[in-house]
Amino acid sequence: MSQLQQLKQAVDACAQSAKSTGGNLAQFDRMFSQQTQQVQQTIGGSTQRKDAEVIQALESAAKQVRAAAQALQRASQVASQYGQSL
């Protein structure tokens, strides 16, 4: 197998892995968002510092999960396009 074929296979594998993982993260994000909303509704308008800290931590994590899912989707697209160009 030529080096070009090996590169194409490796790039294609990365693209598929990134796509799959990105999809899994997007699914996790939907579930996590629902759980976060439940926590926020349960806490309600509490003014306790720890409550606000929990909500902030959950929102920050959700934001980072969304960013990671988007980054993986983008990586999948770029790698796939590159693999097709080989």
Protein backbone atom coordinates (compact mmCIF):
# COMPACT_ATOMS: atom_id res chain seq x y z
CA MET A 1 0.00 0.00 0.00
CA SER A 2 1.36 3.37 -0.96
CA GLN A 3 1.93 6.17 1.49
CA LEU A 4 -0.82 8.16 -0.22
CA GLN A 5 -3.31 5.34 0.33
CA GLN A 6 -2.21 5.04 3.96
CA LEU A 7 -2.66 8.78 4.44
CA LYS A 8 -6.11 8.68 2.84
CA GLN A 9 -7.18 5.81 5.10
CA ALA A 10 -5.85 7.56 8.19
CA VAL A 11 -7.55 10.85 7.28
CA ASP A 12 -10.82 9.06 6.51
CA ALA A 13 -10.65 7.23 9.84
CA CYS A 14 -10.07 10.50 11.67
CA ALA A 15 -12.99 12.11 9.83
CA GLN A 16 -15.32 9.25 10.74
CA SER A 17 -14.17 9.21 14.35
CA ALA A 18 -14.61 12.98 14.69
CA LYS A 19 -18.06 12.79 13.10
CA SER A 20 -19.17 9.96 15.36
CA THR A 21 -17.81 11.54 18.52
CA GLY A 22 -19.27 14.92 17.58
CA GLY A 23 -22.66 13.28 17.11
CA ASN A 24 -22.38 11.56 20.47
CA LEU A 25 -21.46 14.85 22.12
CA ALA A 26 -24.41 16.60 20.48
CA GLN A 27 -26.70 13.90 21.84
CA PHE A 28 -25.11 14.26 25.29
CA ASP A 29 -25.55 18.04 25.05
CA ARG A 30 -29.31 17.67 24.49
CA MET A 31 -29.65 15.35 27.50
CA PHE A 32 -27.37 17.50 29.66
CA SER A 33 -29.29 20.65 28.75
CA GLN A 34 -32.54 19.04 29.87
CA GLN A 35 -30.97 17.99 33.15
CA THR A 36 -29.49 21.44 33.67
CA GLN A 37 -32.88 23.05 33.08
CA GLN A 38 -34.41 20.72 35.67
CA VAL A 39 -31.75 21.71 38.19
CA GLN A 40 -32.30 25.41 37.45
CA GLN A 41 -36.06 25.07 37.82
CA THR A 42 -35.68 23.16 41.06
CA ILE A 43 -33.25 25.69 42.49
CA GLY A 44 -35.50 28.48 41.27
CA GLY A 45 -34.70 31.95 42.49
CA SER A 46 -32.51 30.89 45.35
CA THR A 47 -29.93 33.49 46.29
CA GLN A 48 -27.52 31.09 47.92
CA ARG A 49 -24.02 31.36 46.54
CA LYS A 50 -23.62 27.60 46.12
CA ASP A 51 -26.79 27.38 44.02
CA ALA A 52 -25.52 30.04 41.63
CA GLU A 53 -22.14 28.32 41.54
CA VAL A 54 -23.73 25.01 40.53
CA ILE A 55 -25.78 26.65 37.77
CA GLN A 56 -22.74 28.53 36.48
CA ALA A 57 -20.65 25.34 36.42
CA LEU A 58 -23.36 23.43 34.55
CA GLU A 59 -23.83 26.22 32.01
CA SER A 60 -20.09 26.49 31.47
CA ALA A 61 -19.79 22.74 30.92
CA ALA A 62 -22.73 22.76 28.48
CA LYS A 63 -21.14 25.59 26.51
CA GLN A 64 -17.85 23.71 26.27
CA VAL A 65 -19.59 20.50 25.20
CA ARG A 66 -21.35 22.39 22.40
CA ALA A 67 -18.06 23.95 21.33
CA ALA A 68 -16.35 20.56 21.32
CA ALA A 69 -19.15 19.01 19.26
CA GLN A 70 -18.94 21.85 16.74
CA ALA A 71 -15.15 21.59 16.56
CA LEU A 72 -15.36 17.85 15.91
CA GLN A 73 -17.98 18.32 13.20
CA ARG A 74 -15.75 20.93 11.55
CA ALA A 75 -12.70 18.67 11.82
CA SER A 76 -14.69 15.84 10.27
CA GLN A 77 -15.72 18.02 7.33
CA VAL A 78 -12.22 19.34 6.70
CA ALA A 79 -10.60 15.92 7.01
CA SER A 80 -13.22 14.36 4.76
CA GLN A 81 -12.73 17.01 2.09
CA TYR A 82 -8.98 16.56 2.31
CA GLY A 83 -9.30 12.79 2.03
CA GLN A 84 -11.46 13.16 -1.05
CA SER A 85 -8.88 15.41 -2.65
CA LEU A 86 -6.14 12.80 -2.31
